[in-house]
Amino acid sequence: MNHKTAFGCGLAALLVLGAGCFRNTVSTIELDIPALKSDVCAQAVRAGIEKLGLHPDDGAVYEVRFDLDAHKAWVVYDNVRLGRRNVEVAVRHAGFAVNDLPADEEARAKLPPECRGDE
């Protein structure tokens, strides 16, 4: 094998290996939040998530969307900087039960009645 062929094969191998280093770092998590019943509740959830760093260009959280009828939220986040559980724990600490986590009772007590389920 001559030097040009060996160089070409080596370069091709590096390009193939290098392509594997680039991966999608954006994930979306679906959150089931039974007490998500109003815009006030959605604002409280958003405030909890924003503590993780909400910014479309520079933060760990890129987007938060809500479906109040379905009691769900979707969070688009940087999965290198955050894990799924980080997002769930932020919602829990905002006072809401989320997915398999119970609400932080101290934070829940500070929520408006419609967000606690006390109405």
N, C-alpha and C. Protein backbone atom coordinates (compact mmCIF):
# COMPACT_ATOMS: atom_id res chain seq x y z
N MET A 1 0.86 -1.16 0.00
CA MET A 1 0.00 0.00 0.00
C MET A 1 0.91 1.23 0.00
N ASN A 2 0.64 2.17 -0.92
CA ASN A 2 1.50 3.34 -0.96
C ASN A 2 1.05 4.36 0.09
N HIS A 3 1.85 5.40 0.27
CA HIS A 3 1.61 6.39 1.32
C HIS A 3 0.31 7.17 1.10
N LYS A 4 -0.04 7.47 -0.15
CA LYS A 4 -1.27 8.22 -0.43
C LYS A 4 -2.50 7.39 -0.08
N THR A 5 -2.47 6.11 -0.38
CA THR A 5 -3.60 5.24 -0.07
C THR A 5 -3.74 5.09 1.44
N ALA A 6 -2.62 4.89 2.11
CA ALA A 6 -2.65 4.74 3.57
C ALA A 6 -3.17 6.03 4.22
N PHE A 7 -2.70 7.17 3.72
CA PHE A 7 -3.17 8.45 4.26
C PHE A 7 -4.67 8.61 4.03
N GLY A 8 -5.14 8.25 2.83
CA GLY A 8 -6.57 8.35 2.51
C GLY A 8 -7.41 7.46 3.41
N CYS A 9 -6.96 6.24 3.64
CA CYS A 9 -7.68 5.32 4.52
C CYS A 9 -7.69 5.83 5.96
N GLY A 10 -6.56 6.34 6.40
CA GLY A 10 -6.47 6.89 7.76
C GLY A 10 -7.38 8.09 7.93
N LEU A 11 -7.39 8.98 6.94
CA LEU A 11 -8.25 10.16 6.99
C LEU A 11 -9.72 9.75 7.00
N ALA A 12 -10.08 8.79 6.17
CA ALA A 12 -11.47 8.31 6.14
C ALA A 12 -11.87 7.73 7.50
N ALA A 13 -10.97 6.96 8.10
CA ALA A 13 -11.26 6.37 9.41
C ALA A 13 -11.45 7.45 10.47
N LEU A 14 -10.62 8.48 10.44
CA LEU A 14 -10.76 9.58 11.40
C LEU A 14 -12.07 10.32 11.22
N LEU A 15 -12.48 10.52 9.98
CA LEU A 15 -13.75 11.21 9.73
C LEU A 15 -14.93 10.39 10.23
N VAL A 16 -14.88 9.09 10.02
CA VAL A 16 -15.95 8.22 10.50
C VAL A 16 -16.00 8.22 12.02
N LEU A 17 -14.86 8.10 12.67
CA LEU A 17 -14.81 8.12 14.13
C LEU A 17 -15.22 9.47 14.68
N GLY A 18 -14.78 10.53 14.04
CA GLY A 18 -15.12 11.88 14.48
C GLY A 18 -16.60 12.17 14.37
N ALA A 19 -17.24 11.62 13.37
CA ALA A 19 -18.68 11.84 13.20
C ALA A 19 -19.46 11.29 14.38
N GLY A 20 -18.96 10.24 14.99
CA GLY A 20 -19.63 9.67 16.15
C GLY A 20 -19.53 10.54 17.39
N CYS A 21 -18.62 11.48 17.41
CA CYS A 21 -18.45 12.36 18.56
C CYS A 21 -19.52 13.44 18.62
N PHE A 22 -20.12 13.73 17.49
CA PHE A 22 -21.16 14.75 17.45
C PHE A 22 -22.49 14.07 17.66
N ARG A 23 -23.13 14.38 18.77
CA ARG A 23 -24.43 13.77 19.04
C ARG A 23 -25.41 14.86 19.43
N ASN A 24 -26.66 14.52 19.35
CA ASN A 24 -27.70 15.46 19.71
C ASN A 24 -27.67 15.65 21.23
N THR A 25 -27.56 16.87 21.68
CA THR A 25 -27.51 17.16 23.11
C THR A 25 -28.81 17.77 23.60
N VAL A 26 -29.84 17.75 22.78
CA VAL A 26 -31.13 18.32 23.15
C VAL A 26 -32.12 17.19 23.36
N SER A 27 -32.78 17.19 24.51
CA SER A 27 -33.80 16.20 24.82
C SER A 27 -35.08 16.90 25.23
N THR A 28 -36.18 16.17 25.14
CA THR A 28 -37.47 16.66 25.62
C THR A 28 -38.00 15.67 26.63
N ILE A 29 -38.45 16.17 27.76
CA ILE A 29 -39.07 15.32 28.78
C ILE A 29 -40.54 15.73 28.89
N GLU A 30 -41.40 14.72 28.98
CA GLU A 30 -42.82 14.95 29.22
C GLU A 30 -43.07 14.79 30.71
N LEU A 31 -43.72 15.78 31.29
CA LEU A 31 -44.00 15.77 32.72
C LEU A 31 -45.50 15.63 32.96
N ASP A 32 -45.88 14.66 33.74
CA ASP A 32 -47.27 14.48 34.15
C ASP A 32 -47.42 15.18 35.50
N ILE A 33 -48.20 16.28 35.53
CA ILE A 33 -48.35 17.10 36.73
C ILE A 33 -49.84 17.20 37.04
N PRO A 34 -50.38 16.33 37.88
CA PRO A 34 -51.82 16.29 38.13
C PRO A 34 -52.42 17.63 38.57
N ALA A 35 -51.69 18.44 39.32
CA ALA A 35 -52.23 19.71 39.83
C ALA A 35 -52.06 20.87 38.84
N LEU A 36 -51.62 20.59 37.64
CA LEU A 36 -51.43 21.64 36.61
C LEU A 36 -52.80 21.94 36.01
N LYS A 37 -53.51 22.91 36.63
CA LYS A 37 -54.90 23.16 36.25
C LYS A 37 -55.16 24.57 35.74
N SER A 38 -54.19 25.48 35.89
CA SER A 38 -54.44 26.86 35.49
C SER A 38 -53.13 27.53 35.07
N ASP A 39 -53.27 28.73 34.52
CA ASP A 39 -52.08 29.49 34.14
C ASP A 39 -51.24 29.84 35.37
N VAL A 40 -51.89 30.04 36.50
CA VAL A 40 -51.16 30.34 37.73
C VAL A 40 -50.26 29.16 38.11
N CYS A 41 -50.79 27.96 37.98
CA CYS A 41 -50.01 26.75 38.27
C CYS A 41 -48.86 26.61 37.27
N ALA A 42 -49.16 26.88 36.00
CA ALA A 42 -48.13 26.78 34.96
C ALA A 42 -47.00 27.77 35.24
N GLN A 43 -47.35 28.96 35.69
CA GLN A 43 -46.32 29.96 36.01
C GLN A 43 -45.45 29.49 37.16
N ALA A 44 -46.06 28.84 38.15
CA ALA A 44 -45.28 28.32 39.28
C ALA A 44 -44.34 27.20 38.84
N VAL A 45 -44.83 26.33 37.96
CA VAL A 45 -43.97 25.25 37.42
C VAL A 45 -42.83 25.87 36.62
N ARG A 46 -43.17 26.84 35.75
CA ARG A 46 -42.14 27.49 34.93
C ARG A 46 -41.08 28.15 35.81
N ALA A 47 -41.50 28.80 36.89
CA ALA A 47 -40.56 29.47 37.79
C ALA A 47 -39.59 28.45 38.41
N GLY A 48 -40.10 27.28 38.76
CA GLY A 48 -39.24 26.24 39.31
C GLY A 48 -38.23 25.73 38.29
N ILE A 49 -38.69 25.56 37.06
CA ILE A 49 -37.81 25.08 36.00
C ILE A 49 -36.80 26.14 35.61
N GLU A 50 -37.20 27.40 35.62
CA GLU A 50 -36.29 28.49 35.24
C GLU A 50 -35.09 28.58 36.16
N LYS A 51 -35.21 28.07 37.36
CA LYS A 51 -34.07 28.07 38.27
C LYS A 51 -32.92 27.20 37.76
N LEU A 52 -33.24 26.31 36.82
CA LEU A 52 -32.21 25.47 36.22
C LEU A 52 -31.43 26.21 35.13
N GLY A 53 -31.93 27.36 34.71
CA GLY A 53 -31.25 28.15 33.69
C GLY A 53 -32.00 28.17 32.38
N LEU A 54 -33.06 28.95 32.30
CA LEU A 54 -33.87 29.04 31.09
C LEU A 54 -33.33 30.13 30.19
N HIS A 55 -32.84 29.73 29.04
CA HIS A 55 -32.36 30.70 28.04
C HIS A 55 -32.21 29.94 26.73
N PRO A 56 -32.82 30.41 25.66
CA PRO A 56 -32.78 29.65 24.41
C PRO A 56 -31.38 29.47 23.82
N ASP A 57 -30.43 30.36 24.13
CA ASP A 57 -29.11 30.26 23.53
C ASP A 57 -28.03 29.79 24.50
N ASP A 58 -28.18 30.10 25.79
CA ASP A 58 -27.08 29.92 26.72
C ASP A 58 -27.43 29.06 27.93
N GLY A 59 -28.70 28.80 28.16
CA GLY A 59 -29.08 28.09 29.37
C GLY A 59 -29.19 26.60 29.18
N ALA A 60 -29.53 25.90 30.24
CA ALA A 60 -29.69 24.46 30.20
C ALA A 60 -31.09 24.07 29.73
N VAL A 61 -32.06 24.99 29.88
CA VAL A 61 -33.44 24.74 29.47
C VAL A 61 -33.76 25.67 28.31
N TYR A 62 -34.23 25.08 27.21
CA TYR A 62 -34.50 25.87 26.01
C TYR A 62 -35.96 26.28 25.88
N GLU A 63 -36.88 25.43 26.34
CA GLU A 63 -38.30 25.70 26.12
C GLU A 63 -39.13 24.94 27.14
N VAL A 64 -40.25 25.54 27.55
CA VAL A 64 -41.22 24.88 28.42
C VAL A 64 -42.60 25.11 27.80
N ARG A 65 -43.34 24.02 27.56
CA ARG A 65 -44.68 24.11 27.00
C ARG A 65 -45.66 23.40 27.93
N PHE A 66 -46.91 23.87 27.93
CA PHE A 66 -47.93 23.31 28.82
C PHE A 66 -49.18 22.92 28.05
N ASP A 67 -49.86 21.88 28.54
CA ASP A 67 -51.20 21.52 28.11
C ASP A 67 -52.00 21.37 29.40
N LEU A 68 -52.73 22.43 29.75
CA LEU A 68 -53.46 22.43 31.02
C LEU A 68 -54.56 21.38 31.04
N ASP A 69 -55.22 21.14 29.90
CA ASP A 69 -56.29 20.14 29.86
C ASP A 69 -55.76 18.73 30.14
N ALA A 70 -54.57 18.45 29.68
CA ALA A 70 -53.97 17.13 29.88
C ALA A 70 -53.11 17.06 31.15
N HIS A 71 -52.92 18.21 31.82
CA HIS A 71 -52.09 18.30 33.04
C HIS A 71 -50.65 17.85 32.74
N LYS A 72 -50.13 18.33 31.62
CA LYS A 72 -48.78 17.94 31.19
C LYS A 72 -47.95 19.16 30.82
N ALA A 73 -46.64 18.97 30.93
CA ALA A 73 -45.68 19.97 30.47
C ALA A 73 -44.59 19.24 29.72
N TRP A 74 -43.97 19.95 28.78
CA TRP A 74 -42.83 19.41 28.05
C TRP A 74 -41.69 20.40 28.20
N VAL A 75 -40.54 19.88 28.53
CA VAL A 75 -39.36 20.71 28.72
C VAL A 75 -38.29 20.24 27.74
N VAL A 76 -37.79 21.19 26.96
CA VAL A 76 -36.70 20.93 26.03
C VAL A 76 -35.44 21.44 26.72
N TYR A 77 -34.44 20.56 26.88
CA TYR A 77 -33.28 20.90 27.69
C TYR A 77 -31.99 20.32 27.10
N ASP A 78 -30.88 20.83 27.59
CA ASP A 78 -29.55 20.36 27.20
C ASP A 78 -29.21 19.16 28.07
N ASN A 79 -29.17 17.97 27.47
CA ASN A 79 -28.97 16.75 28.24
C ASN A 79 -27.52 16.52 28.66
N VAL A 80 -26.62 17.40 28.24
CA VAL A 80 -25.24 17.35 28.74
C VAL A 80 -25.16 18.08 30.07
N ARG A 81 -25.92 19.15 30.20
CA ARG A 81 -25.89 19.98 31.41
C ARG A 81 -26.90 19.53 32.46
N LEU A 82 -27.97 18.86 32.04
CA LEU A 82 -29.02 18.42 32.96
C LEU A 82 -29.43 16.99 32.65
N GLY A 83 -29.92 16.31 33.67
CA GLY A 83 -30.53 15.01 33.47
C GLY A 83 -32.03 15.14 33.62
N ARG A 84 -32.75 14.13 33.18
CA ARG A 84 -34.22 14.14 33.30
C ARG A 84 -34.65 14.37 34.74
N ARG A 85 -33.96 13.71 35.66
CA ARG A 85 -34.34 13.81 37.06
C ARG A 85 -34.15 15.24 37.59
N ASN A 86 -33.16 15.98 37.08
CA ASN A 86 -32.98 17.38 37.50
C ASN A 86 -34.24 18.19 37.23
N VAL A 87 -34.83 17.97 36.06
CA VAL A 87 -36.03 18.70 35.67
C VAL A 87 -37.19 18.30 36.58
N GLU A 88 -37.36 17.00 36.80
CA GLU A 88 -38.44 16.53 37.66
C GLU A 88 -38.29 17.06 39.09
N VAL A 89 -37.08 17.05 39.62
CA VAL A 89 -36.85 17.54 40.98
C VAL A 89 -37.13 19.03 41.09
N ALA A 90 -36.82 19.80 40.05
CA ALA A 90 -37.12 21.24 40.06
C ALA A 90 -38.63 21.46 40.16
N VAL A 91 -39.42 20.66 39.46
CA VAL A 91 -40.88 20.78 39.53
C VAL A 91 -41.36 20.33 40.91
N ARG A 92 -40.79 19.28 41.44
CA ARG A 92 -41.14 18.81 42.78
C ARG A 92 -40.89 19.91 43.81
N HIS A 93 -39.73 20.56 43.71
CA HIS A 93 -39.39 21.62 44.66
C HIS A 93 -40.23 22.88 44.46
N ALA A 94 -40.92 22.98 43.32
CA ALA A 94 -41.86 24.08 43.11
C ALA A 94 -43.19 23.78 43.79
N GLY A 95 -43.37 22.56 44.32
CA GLY A 95 -44.57 22.21 45.07
C GLY A 95 -45.52 21.27 44.36
N PHE A 96 -45.10 20.66 43.26
CA PHE A 96 -45.98 19.82 42.46
C PHE A 96 -45.50 18.38 42.43
N ALA A 97 -46.44 17.45 42.51
CA ALA A 97 -46.13 16.06 42.24
C ALA A 97 -45.88 15.96 40.74
N VAL A 98 -44.88 15.20 40.35
CA VAL A 98 -44.52 15.10 38.93
C VAL A 98 -44.03 13.69 38.65
N ASN A 99 -44.58 13.10 37.59
CA ASN A 99 -44.24 11.73 37.20
C ASN A 99 -44.29 10.83 38.44
N ASP A 100 -43.19 10.27 38.89
CA ASP A 100 -43.23 9.36 40.06
C ASP A 100 -42.78 10.03 41.35
N LEU A 101 -42.58 11.35 41.34
CA LEU A 101 -42.12 12.06 42.53
C LEU A 101 -43.26 12.78 43.23
N PRO A 102 -43.35 12.67 44.55
CA PRO A 102 -44.36 13.44 45.28
C PRO A 102 -43.93 14.90 45.38
N ALA A 103 -44.90 15.76 45.63
CA ALA A 103 -44.61 17.19 45.80
C ALA A 103 -43.82 17.42 47.08
N ASP A 104 -42.98 18.43 47.07
CA ASP A 104 -42.35 18.92 48.30
C ASP A 104 -43.46 19.60 49.09
N GLU A 105 -43.80 19.06 50.24
CA GLU A 105 -44.97 19.54 50.99
C GLU A 105 -44.83 20.98 51.47
N GLU A 106 -43.66 21.38 51.83
CA GLU A 106 -43.45 22.76 52.28
C GLU A 106 -43.71 23.73 51.12
N ALA A 107 -43.21 23.43 49.95
CA ALA A 107 -43.43 24.28 48.77
C ALA A 107 -44.89 24.20 48.34
N ARG A 108 -45.50 23.03 48.42
CA ARG A 108 -46.90 22.86 48.04
C ARG A 108 -47.82 23.72 48.90
N ALA A 109 -47.52 23.82 50.17
CA ALA A 109 -48.35 24.61 51.09
C ALA A 109 -48.36 26.09 50.72
N LYS A 110 -47.34 26.55 50.01
CA LYS A 110 -47.25 27.97 49.63
C LYS A 110 -47.95 28.28 48.30
N LEU A 111 -48.40 27.24 47.60
CA LEU A 111 -49.05 27.44 46.31
C LEU A 111 -50.50 27.93 46.49
N PRO A 112 -51.06 28.58 45.48
CA PRO A 112 -52.49 28.94 45.52
C PRO A 112 -53.34 27.67 45.64
N PRO A 113 -54.53 27.78 46.23
CA PRO A 113 -55.36 26.59 46.45
C PRO A 113 -55.62 25.75 45.19
N GLU A 114 -55.83 26.39 44.03
CA GLU A 114 -56.13 25.60 42.83
C GLU A 114 -54.93 24.77 42.37
N CYS A 115 -53.74 25.12 42.81
CA CYS A 115 -52.53 24.36 42.43
C CYS A 115 -52.22 23.27 43.45
N ARG A 116 -52.83 23.35 44.61
CA ARG A 116 -52.63 22.33 45.64
C ARG A 116 -53.67 21.23 45.56
N GLY A 117 -54.77 21.52 44.86
CA GLY A 117 -55.88 20.57 44.82
C GLY A 117 -56.82 20.76 46.01
N ASP A 118 -56.72 21.91 46.69
CA ASP A 118 -57.54 22.17 47.88
C ASP A 118 -58.86 22.88 47.56
N GLU A 119 -59.05 23.31 46.30
CA GLU A 119 -60.23 24.13 46.00
C GLU A 119 -61.53 23.40 46.17
